[in-house]
Amino acid sequence: MTIEPEKHALSHDQIVNIVALGVEKAEVKIELTKDEIKELVKEGVLQAFDRVGMGGAAEEVQRDMAHLRRWRTSVDAASSTGVKTIVTVLIAGLLGALWLGITTLIENPPPK
């Protein structure tokens, strides 16, 4: 049985209850227009934002996400720079120790 939206309009709560039961278990098929689906999705997203305390602040949330992205990329860049610095210091230390050892051997050769 197909319910046409024009003939049998369901309330939002009825649709939520049918979806909660599981569409495959429900005995009703619902055909929604693209605009109705968009409206339901929009309403669901707004409800989810309300639940986590971000209701009605889509622009703020977008700015927060942009800030988090900049923070993450700067931390990634800093950790990459830190690793390069550590490797450079270790290599310089090893080369310095090698140079010191070679110059010491040349200036003071071991006795025979």
Foldseek 3Di string as FASTA:
>chain_A
DEDECVVDPDDPVVVVVCVVVPVVPDPYDYDDDPVVVVVNVVVVVQVVCVVVPNHPPVVVVVVVVVVVVVVVVVVVVVVVVVVVVVVVVVVVVVVVVVVVVVVVCVVDPDDD
